[in-house]
Amino acid sequence: MQFMDVVYLILWALLAAYCFYSAHKLSPILYILGTFFVFMFGWYLANDLLPLNLFDGMYNIIFRCIAGGFLVLFVGLYFWVKKHGKPDE
């Protein structure tokens, strides 16, 4: 494992933990964002531990589709909340 791989793993884990911690105070939408960061942590960890590169070929397409799906979901929910208010209100 290279140094930057460890930095990214720590980054994704801290962001996920912060989103899950803050979700009850700020917005339940942060649970979805935290789940995305857990996915990123898992993908980067699997990329480091497995002998194949998960950022090449078909694996990269799968990664981009999942990341794009999370992006569309989160942006859609963000605008819905901006228009209708917080879900718990």
PDB file of N, CA and C in Angstrom:
ATOM      1  N   MET A   1       0.838  -1.171   0.000  1.00  0.00           N
ATOM      2  CA  MET A   1       0.000   0.000   0.000  1.00  0.00           C
ATOM      3  C   MET A   1       0.887   1.240   0.000  1.00  0.00           C
ATOM      4  N   GLN A   2       0.539   2.174  -0.865  1.00  0.00           N
ATOM      5  CA  GLN A   2       1.276   3.426  -0.916  1.00  0.00           C
ATOM      6  C   GLN A   2       0.694   4.420   0.069  1.00  0.00           C
ATOM      7  N   PHE A   3       1.440   5.478   0.305  1.00  0.00           N
ATOM      8  CA  PHE A   3       1.024   6.476   1.286  1.00  0.00           C
ATOM      9  C   PHE A   3      -0.306   7.122   0.916  1.00  0.00           C
ATOM     10  N   MET A   4      -0.483   7.496  -0.361  1.00  0.00           N
ATOM     11  CA  MET A   4      -1.719   8.169  -0.775  1.00  0.00           C
ATOM     12  C   MET A   4      -2.922   7.233  -0.689  1.00  0.00           C
ATOM     13  N   ASP A   5      -2.709   5.937  -0.865  1.00  0.00           N
ATOM     14  CA  ASP A   5      -3.802   4.981  -0.692  1.00  0.00           C
ATOM     15  C   ASP A   5      -4.311   4.999   0.746  1.00  0.00           C
ATOM     16  N   VAL A   6      -3.400   5.061   1.682  1.00  0.00           N
ATOM     17  CA  VAL A   6      -3.778   5.123   3.096  1.00  0.00           C
ATOM     18  C   VAL A   6      -4.484   6.437   3.400  1.00  0.00           C
ATOM     19  N   VAL A   7      -4.006   7.524   2.804  1.00  0.00           N
ATOM     20  CA  VAL A   7      -4.645   8.828   3.006  1.00  0.00           C
ATOM     21  C   VAL A   7      -6.082   8.795   2.501  1.00  0.00           C
ATOM     22  N   TYR A   8      -6.317   8.225   1.330  1.00  0.00           N
ATOM     23  CA  TYR A   8      -7.674   8.142   0.792  1.00  0.00           C
ATOM     24  C   TYR A   8      -8.564   7.255   1.662  1.00  0.00           C
ATOM     25  N   LEU A   9      -8.031   6.150   2.134  1.00  0.00           N
ATOM     26  CA  LEU A   9      -8.819   5.287   3.012  1.00  0.00           C
ATOM     27  C   LEU A   9      -9.236   6.024   4.287  1.00  0.00           C
ATOM     28  N   ILE A  10      -8.306   6.735   4.878  1.00  0.00           N
ATOM     29  CA  ILE A  10      -8.629   7.499   6.086  1.00  0.00           C
ATOM     30  C   ILE A  10      -9.634   8.602   5.765  1.00  0.00           C
ATOM     31  N   LEU A  11      -9.464   9.264   4.632  1.00  0.00           N
ATOM     32  CA  LEU A  11     -10.380  10.326   4.227  1.00  0.00           C
ATOM     33  C   LEU A  11     -11.803   9.810   4.083  1.00  0.00           C
ATOM     34  N   TRP A  12     -11.989   8.710   3.348  1.00  0.00           N
ATOM     35  CA  TRP A  12     -13.345   8.176   3.138  1.00  0.00           C
ATOM     36  C   TRP A  12     -13.960   7.699   4.450  1.00  0.00           C
ATOM     37  N   ALA A  13     -13.153   7.088   5.313  1.00  0.00           N
ATOM     38  CA  ALA A  13     -13.679   6.604   6.589  1.00  0.00           C
ATOM     39  C   ALA A  13     -14.090   7.774   7.490  1.00  0.00           C
ATOM     40  N   LEU A  14     -13.287   8.816   7.549  1.00  0.00           N
ATOM     41  CA  LEU A  14     -13.630   9.974   8.376  1.00  0.00           C
ATOM     42  C   LEU A  14     -14.857  10.708   7.846  1.00  0.00           C
ATOM     43  N   LEU A  15     -14.952  10.857   6.527  1.00  0.00           N
ATOM     44  CA  LEU A  15     -16.125  11.510   5.955  1.00  0.00           C
ATOM     45  C   LEU A  15     -17.395  10.713   6.225  1.00  0.00           C
ATOM     46  N   ALA A  16     -17.316   9.394   6.112  1.00  0.00           N
ATOM     47  CA  ALA A  16     -18.483   8.561   6.395  1.00  0.00           C
ATOM     48  C   ALA A  16     -18.889   8.680   7.855  1.00  0.00           C
ATOM     49  N   ALA A  17     -17.926   8.614   8.749  1.00  0.00           N
ATOM     50  CA  ALA A  17     -18.233   8.721  10.176  1.00  0.00           C
ATOM     51  C   ALA A  17     -18.837  10.079  10.500  1.00  0.00           C
ATOM     52  N   TYR A  18     -18.308  11.140   9.914  1.00  0.00           N
ATOM     53  CA  TYR A  18     -18.848  12.472  10.164  1.00  0.00           C
ATOM     54  C   TYR A  18     -20.274  12.607   9.630  1.00  0.00           C
ATOM     55  N   CYS A  19     -20.537  12.065   8.457  1.00  0.00           N
ATOM     56  CA  CYS A  19     -21.891  12.133   7.896  1.00  0.00           C
ATOM     57  C   CYS A  19     -22.879  11.370   8.767  1.00  0.00           C
ATOM     58  N   PHE A  20     -22.518  10.170   9.202  1.00  0.00           N
ATOM     59  CA  PHE A  20     -23.423   9.402  10.059  1.00  0.00           C
ATOM     60  C   PHE A  20     -23.630  10.095  11.405  1.00  0.00           C
ATOM     61  N   TYR A  21     -22.576  10.720  11.933  1.00  0.00           N
ATOM     62  CA  TYR A  21     -22.688  11.419  13.213  1.00  0.00           C
ATOM     63  C   TYR A  21     -23.578  12.661  13.089  1.00  0.00           C
ATOM     64  N   SER A  22     -23.427  13.395  11.991  1.00  0.00           N
ATOM     65  CA  SER A  22     -24.152  14.655  11.812  1.00  0.00           C
ATOM     66  C   SER A  22     -25.555  14.483  11.253  1.00  0.00           C
ATOM     67  N   ALA A  23     -25.894  13.317  10.793  1.00  0.00           N
ATOM     68  CA  ALA A  23     -27.176  13.128  10.109  1.00  0.00           C
ATOM     69  C   ALA A  23     -28.361  13.390  11.027  1.00  0.00           C
ATOM     70  N   HIS A  24     -28.263  13.010  12.277  1.00  0.00           N
ATOM     71  CA  HIS A  24     -29.408  13.224  13.175  1.00  0.00           C
ATOM     72  C   HIS A  24     -29.613  14.699  13.506  1.00  0.00           C
ATOM     73  N   LYS A  25     -28.548  15.505  13.451  1.00  0.00           N
ATOM     74  CA  LYS A  25     -28.670  16.931  13.736  1.00  0.00           C
ATOM     75  C   LYS A  25     -29.035  17.743  12.496  1.00  0.00           C
ATOM     76  N   LEU A  26     -28.418  17.420  11.361  1.00  0.00           N
ATOM     77  CA  LEU A  26     -28.577  18.260  10.183  1.00  0.00           C
ATOM     78  C   LEU A  26     -29.682  17.782   9.247  1.00  0.00           C
ATOM     79  N   SER A  27     -29.539  16.573   8.733  1.00  0.00           N
ATOM     80  CA  SER A  27     -30.521  16.072   7.780  1.00  0.00           C
ATOM     81  C   SER A  27     -30.314  14.573   7.584  1.00  0.00           C
ATOM     82  N   PRO A  28     -31.398  13.814   7.469  1.00  0.00           N
ATOM     83  CA  PRO A  28     -31.263  12.375   7.210  1.00  0.00           C
ATOM     84  C   PRO A  28     -30.639  12.056   5.845  1.00  0.00           C
ATOM     85  N   ILE A  29     -30.568  13.052   4.975  1.00  0.00           N
ATOM     86  CA  ILE A  29     -29.930  12.840   3.664  1.00  0.00           C
ATOM     87  C   ILE A  29     -28.453  12.514   3.831  1.00  0.00           C
ATOM     88  N   LEU A  30     -27.879  12.933   4.929  1.00  0.00           N
ATOM     89  CA  LEU A  30     -26.464  12.634   5.171  1.00  0.00           C
ATOM     90  C   LEU A  30     -26.216  11.143   5.351  1.00  0.00           C
ATOM     91  N   TYR A  31     -27.254  10.369   5.687  1.00  0.00           N
ATOM     92  CA  TYR A  31     -27.085   8.912   5.738  1.00  0.00           C
ATOM     93  C   TYR A  31     -26.760   8.360   4.354  1.00  0.00           C
ATOM     94  N   ILE A  32     -27.386   8.915   3.334  1.00  0.00           N
ATOM     95  CA  ILE A  32     -27.107   8.481   1.957  1.00  0.00           C
ATOM     96  C   ILE A  32     -25.693   8.877   1.568  1.00  0.00           C
ATOM     97  N   LEU A  33     -25.308  10.098   1.898  1.00  0.00           N
ATOM     98  CA  LEU A  33     -23.954  10.542   1.598  1.00  0.00           C
ATOM     99  C   LEU A  33     -22.926   9.719   2.370  1.00  0.00           C
ATOM    100  N   GLY A  34     -23.220   9.400   3.622  1.00  0.00           N
ATOM    101  CA  GLY A  34     -22.324   8.552   4.409  1.00  0.00           C
ATOM    102  C   GLY A  34     -22.188   7.159   3.813  1.00  0.00           C
ATOM    103  N   THR A  35     -23.306   6.637   3.285  1.00  0.00           N
ATOM    104  CA  THR A  35     -23.256   5.330   2.612  1.00  0.00           C
ATOM    105  C   THR A  35     -22.367   5.387   1.383  1.00  0.00           C
ATOM    106  N   PHE A  36     -22.412   6.501   0.656  1.00  0.00           N
ATOM    107  CA  PHE A  36     -21.525   6.668  -0.495  1.00  0.00           C
ATOM    108  C   PHE A  36     -20.064   6.654  -0.058  1.00  0.00           C
ATOM    109  N   PHE A  37     -19.757   7.327   1.035  1.00  0.00           N
ATOM    110  CA  PHE A  37     -18.376   7.344   1.509  1.00  0.00           C
ATOM    111  C   PHE A  37     -17.936   5.964   2.013  1.00  0.00           C
ATOM    112  N   VAL A  38     -18.853   5.200   2.580  1.00  0.00           N
ATOM    113  CA  VAL A  38     -18.537   3.818   2.956  1.00  0.00           C
ATOM    114  C   VAL A  38     -18.231   2.996   1.700  1.00  0.00           C
ATOM    115  N   PHE A  39     -19.019   3.200   0.647  1.00  0.00           N
ATOM    116  CA  PHE A  39     -18.751   2.525  -0.625  1.00  0.00           C
ATOM    117  C   PHE A  39     -17.369   2.897  -1.149  1.00  0.00           C
ATOM    118  N   MET A  40     -17.027   4.194  -1.109  1.00  0.00           N
ATOM    119  CA  MET A  40     -15.713   4.625  -1.594  1.00  0.00           C
ATOM    120  C   MET A  40     -14.593   3.994  -0.767  1.00  0.00           C
ATOM    121  N   PHE A  41     -14.777   3.944   0.553  1.00  0.00           N
ATOM    122  CA  PHE A  41     -13.795   3.306   1.422  1.00  0.00           C
ATOM    123  C   PHE A  41     -13.620   1.840   1.039  1.00  0.00           C
ATOM    124  N   GLY A  42     -14.734   1.146   0.860  1.00  0.00           N
ATOM    125  CA  GLY A  42     -14.660  -0.271   0.500  1.00  0.00           C
ATOM    126  C   GLY A  42     -14.009  -0.497  -0.851  1.00  0.00           C
ATOM    127  N   TRP A  43     -14.326   0.356  -1.821  1.00  0.00           N
ATOM    128  CA  TRP A  43     -13.752   0.191  -3.161  1.00  0.00           C
ATOM    129  C   TRP A  43     -12.247   0.425  -3.141  1.00  0.00           C
ATOM    130  N   TYR A  44     -11.805   1.478  -2.469  1.00  0.00           N
ATOM    131  CA  TYR A  44     -10.369   1.753  -2.389  1.00  0.00           C
ATOM    132  C   TYR A  44      -9.641   0.674  -1.593  1.00  0.00           C
ATOM    133  N   LEU A  45     -10.269   0.172  -0.535  1.00  0.00           N
ATOM    134  CA  LEU A  45      -9.646  -0.897   0.247  1.00  0.00           C
ATOM    135  C   LEU A  45      -9.535  -2.168  -0.584  1.00  0.00           C
ATOM    136  N   ALA A  46     -10.603  -2.515  -1.301  1.00  0.00           N
ATOM    137  CA  ALA A  46     -10.558  -3.700  -2.160  1.00  0.00           C
ATOM    138  C   ALA A  46      -9.528  -3.527  -3.267  1.00  0.00           C
ATOM    139  N   ASN A  47      -9.404  -2.330  -3.802  1.00  0.00           N
ATOM    140  CA  ASN A  47      -8.407  -2.072  -4.846  1.00  0.00           C
ATOM    141  C   ASN A  47      -6.996  -2.291  -4.318  1.00  0.00           C
ATOM    142  N   ASP A  48      -6.759  -1.936  -3.054  1.00  0.00           N
ATOM    143  CA  ASP A  48      -5.426  -2.121  -2.474  1.00  0.00           C
ATOM    144  C   ASP A  48      -5.148  -3.570  -2.094  1.00  0.00           C
ATOM    145  N   LEU A  49      -6.168  -4.287  -1.665  1.00  0.00           N
ATOM    146  CA  LEU A  49      -5.950  -5.641  -1.163  1.00  0.00           C
ATOM    147  C   LEU A  49      -6.010  -6.719  -2.245  1.00  0.00           C
ATOM    148  N   LEU A  50      -6.799  -6.496  -3.281  1.00  0.00           N
ATOM    149  CA  LEU A  50      -6.926  -7.499  -4.349  1.00  0.00           C
ATOM    150  C   LEU A  50      -5.791  -7.364  -5.350  1.00  0.00           C
ATOM    151  N   PRO A  51      -5.437  -8.452  -6.019  1.00  0.00           N
ATOM    152  CA  PRO A  51      -4.334  -8.379  -6.980  1.00  0.00           C
ATOM    153  C   PRO A  51      -4.713  -7.692  -8.294  1.00  0.00           C
ATOM    154  N   LEU A  52      -5.996  -7.393  -8.514  1.00  0.00           N
ATOM    155  CA  LEU A  52      -6.387  -6.723  -9.753  1.00  0.00           C
ATOM    156  C   LEU A  52      -6.697  -5.259  -9.503  1.00  0.00           C
ATOM    157  N   ASN A  53      -6.637  -4.469 -10.571  1.00  0.00           N
ATOM    158  CA  ASN A  53      -6.870  -3.035 -10.461  1.00  0.00           C
ATOM    159  C   ASN A  53      -8.354  -2.757 -10.688  1.00  0.00           C
ATOM    160  N   LEU A  54      -9.029  -2.236  -9.692  1.00  0.00           N
ATOM    161  CA  LEU A  54     -10.458  -1.962  -9.793  1.00  0.00           C
ATOM    162  C   LEU A  54     -10.755  -0.639 -10.483  1.00  0.00           C
ATOM    163  N   PHE A  55      -9.744   0.060 -10.953  1.00  0.00           N
ATOM    164  CA  PHE A  55      -9.940   1.303 -11.690  1.00  0.00           C
ATOM    165  C   PHE A  55      -9.562   1.145 -13.156  1.00  0.00           C
ATOM    166  N   ASP A  56      -9.585  -0.086 -13.661  1.00  0.00           N
ATOM    167  CA  ASP A  56      -9.322  -0.375 -15.069  1.00  0.00           C
ATOM    168  C   ASP A  56     -10.477  -1.166 -15.659  1.00  0.00           C
ATOM    169  N   GLY A  57     -10.748  -0.947 -16.921  1.00  0.00           N
ATOM    170  CA  GLY A  57     -11.690  -1.768 -17.669  1.00  0.00           C
ATOM    171  C   GLY A  57     -13.114  -1.737 -17.145  1.00  0.00           C
ATOM    172  N   MET A  58     -13.717  -2.910 -17.102  1.00  0.00           N
ATOM    173  CA  MET A  58     -15.118  -3.044 -16.713  1.00  0.00           C
ATOM    174  C   MET A  58     -15.351  -2.632 -15.263  1.00  0.00           C
ATOM    175  N   TYR A  59     -14.389  -2.872 -14.393  1.00  0.00           N
ATOM    176  CA  TYR A  59     -14.537  -2.480 -12.994  1.00  0.00           C
ATOM    177  C   TYR A  59     -14.661  -0.955 -12.870  1.00  0.00           C
ATOM    178  N   ASN A  60     -13.929  -0.231 -13.698  1.00  0.00           N
ATOM    179  CA  ASN A  60     -14.010   1.225 -13.683  1.00  0.00           C
ATOM    180  C   ASN A  60     -15.388   1.698 -14.153  1.00  0.00           C
ATOM    181  N   ILE A  61     -15.966   1.030 -15.129  1.00  0.00           N
ATOM    182  CA  ILE A  61     -17.307   1.378 -15.603  1.00  0.00           C
ATOM    183  C   ILE A  61     -18.328   1.125 -14.493  1.00  0.00           C
ATOM    184  N   ILE A  62     -18.204  -0.002 -13.799  1.00  0.00           N
ATOM    185  CA  ILE A  62     -19.107  -0.302 -12.689  1.00  0.00           C
ATOM    186  C   ILE A  62     -18.958   0.749 -11.591  1.00  0.00           C
ATOM    187  N   PHE A  63     -17.724   1.104 -11.265  1.00  0.00           N
ATOM    188  CA  PHE A  63     -17.466   2.118 -10.247  1.00  0.00           C
ATOM    189  C   PHE A  63     -18.100   3.452 -10.630  1.00  0.00           C
ATOM    190  N   ARG A  64     -17.925   3.872 -11.874  1.00  0.00           N
ATOM    191  CA  ARG A  64     -18.480   5.152 -12.314  1.00  0.00           C
ATOM    192  C   ARG A  64     -20.006   5.138 -12.340  1.00  0.00           C
ATOM    193  N   CYS A  65     -20.603   4.013 -12.692  1.00  0.00           N
ATOM    194  CA  CYS A  65     -22.065   3.920 -12.684  1.00  0.00           C
ATOM    195  C   CYS A  65     -22.618   4.023 -11.262  1.00  0.00           C
ATOM    196  N   ILE A  66     -21.991   3.343 -10.322  1.00  0.00           N
ATOM    197  CA  ILE A  66     -22.433   3.418  -8.932  1.00  0.00           C
ATOM    198  C   ILE A  66     -22.224   4.829  -8.381  1.00  0.00           C
ATOM    199  N   ALA A  67     -21.068   5.416  -8.634  1.00  0.00           N
ATOM    200  CA  ALA A  67     -20.796   6.772  -8.156  1.00  0.00           C
ATOM    201  C   ALA A  67     -21.749   7.771  -8.802  1.00  0.00           C
ATOM    202  N   GLY A  68     -22.023   7.619 -10.092  1.00  0.00           N
ATOM    203  CA  GLY A  68     -22.972   8.499 -10.771  1.00  0.00           C
ATOM    204  C   GLY A  68     -24.382   8.341 -10.232  1.00  0.00           C
ATOM    205  N   GLY A  69     -24.772   7.107  -9.907  1.00  0.00           N
ATOM    206  CA  GLY A  69     -26.089   6.873  -9.320  1.00  0.00           C
ATOM    207  C   GLY A  69     -26.228   7.555  -7.977  1.00  0.00           C
ATOM    208  N   PHE A  70     -25.201   7.457  -7.142  1.00  0.00           N
ATOM    209  CA  PHE A  70     -25.220   8.162  -5.857  1.00  0.00           C
ATOM    210  C   PHE A  70     -25.292   9.676  -6.068  1.00  0.00           C
ATOM    211  N   LEU A  71     -24.557  10.178  -7.060  1.00  0.00           N
ATOM    212  CA  LEU A  71     -24.565  11.611  -7.332  1.00  0.00           C
ATOM    213  C   LEU A  71     -25.954  12.082  -7.757  1.00  0.00           C
ATOM    214  N   VAL A  72     -26.580  11.369  -8.671  1.00  0.00           N
ATOM    215  CA  VAL A  72     -27.921  11.734  -9.124  1.00  0.00           C
ATOM    216  C   VAL A  72     -28.910  11.665  -7.961  1.00  0.00           C
ATOM    217  N   LEU A  73     -28.837  10.608  -7.172  1.00  0.00           N
ATOM    218  CA  LEU A  73     -29.728  10.459  -6.026  1.00  0.00           C
ATOM    219  C   LEU A  73     -29.534  11.592  -5.024  1.00  0.00           C
ATOM    220  N   PHE A  74     -28.298  11.890  -4.688  1.00  0.00           N
ATOM    221  CA  PHE A  74     -28.038  12.913  -3.690  1.00  0.00           C
ATOM    222  C   PHE A  74     -28.431  14.305  -4.186  1.00  0.00           C
ATOM    223  N   VAL A  75     -28.117  14.630  -5.423  1.00  0.00           N
ATOM    224  CA  VAL A  75     -28.475  15.948  -5.958  1.00  0.00           C
ATOM    225  C   VAL A  75     -29.992  16.083  -6.049  1.00  0.00           C
ATOM    226  N   GLY A  76     -30.680  15.022  -6.482  1.00  0.00           N
ATOM    227  CA  GLY A  76     -32.135  15.058  -6.526  1.00  0.00           C
ATOM    228  C   GLY A  76     -32.752  15.260  -5.156  1.00  0.00           C
ATOM    229  N   LEU A  77     -32.267  14.545  -4.165  1.00  0.00           N
ATOM    230  CA  LEU A  77     -32.763  14.717  -2.805  1.00  0.00           C
ATOM    231  C   LEU A  77     -32.425  16.092  -2.240  1.00  0.00           C
ATOM    232  N   TYR A  78     -31.272  16.597  -2.572  1.00  0.00           N
ATOM    233  CA  TYR A  78     -30.880  17.922  -2.105  1.00  0.00           C
ATOM    234  C   TYR A  78     -31.856  18.980  -2.609  1.00  0.00           C
ATOM    235  N   PHE A  79     -32.163  18.946  -3.907  1.00  0.00           N
ATOM    236  CA  PHE A  79     -33.087  19.931  -4.455  1.00  0.00           C
ATOM    237  C   PHE A  79     -34.509  19.714  -3.943  1.00  0.00           C
ATOM    238  N   TRP A  80     -34.893  18.475  -3.694  1.00  0.00           N
ATOM    239  CA  TRP A  80     -36.217  18.215  -3.138  1.00  0.00           C
ATOM    240  C   TRP A  80     -36.330  18.812  -1.741  1.00  0.00           C
ATOM    241  N   VAL A  81     -35.277  18.647  -0.945  1.00  0.00           N
ATOM    242  CA  VAL A  81     -35.287  19.199   0.413  1.00  0.00           C
ATOM    243  C   VAL A  81     -35.258  20.725   0.365  1.00  0.00           C
ATOM    244  N   LYS A  82     -34.483  21.304  -0.556  1.00  0.00           N
ATOM    245  CA  LYS A  82     -34.457  22.759  -0.682  1.00  0.00           C
ATOM    246  C   LYS A  82     -35.832  23.309  -1.024  1.00  0.00           C
ATOM    247  N   LYS A  83     -36.606  22.545  -1.816  1.00  0.00           N
ATOM    248  CA  LYS A  83     -37.918  23.004  -2.237  1.00  0.00           C
ATOM    249  C   LYS A  83     -38.975  22.760  -1.156  1.00  0.00           C
ATOM    250  N   HIS A  84     -38.950  21.606  -0.488  1.00  0.00           N
ATOM    251  CA  HIS A  84     -39.991  21.228   0.448  1.00  0.00           C
ATOM    252  C   HIS A  84     -39.611  21.353   1.916  1.00  0.00           C
ATOM    253  N   GLY A  85     -38.398  21.651   2.221  1.00  0.00           N
ATOM    254  CA  GLY A  85     -37.963  21.714   3.621  1.00  0.00           C
ATOM    255  C   GLY A  85     -37.387  20.394   4.059  1.00  0.00           C
ATOM    256  N   LYS A  86     -36.882  20.357   5.289  1.00  0.00           N
ATOM    257  CA  LYS A  86     -36.283  19.128   5.835  1.00  0.00           C
ATOM    258  C   LYS A  86     -37.334  18.044   5.932  1.00  0.00           C
ATOM    259  N   PRO A  87     -36.952  16.774   5.704  1.00  0.00           N
ATOM    260  CA  PRO A  87     -37.921  15.674   5.776  1.00  0.00           C
ATOM    261  C   PRO A  87     -38.548  15.494   7.154  1.00  0.00           C
ATOM    262  N   ASP A  88     -37.857  15.884   8.217  1.00  0.00           N
ATOM    263  CA  ASP A  88     -38.411  15.689   9.559  1.00  0.00           C
ATOM    264  C   ASP A  88     -39.252  16.875  10.023  1.00  0.00           C
ATOM    265  N   GLU A  89     -39.437  17.884   9.186  1.00  0.00           N
ATOM    266  CA  GLU A  89     -40.266  19.032   9.570  1.00  0.00           C
ATOM    267  C   GLU A  89     -41.726  18.751   9.314  1.00  0.00           C
TER     268      GLU A  89
END
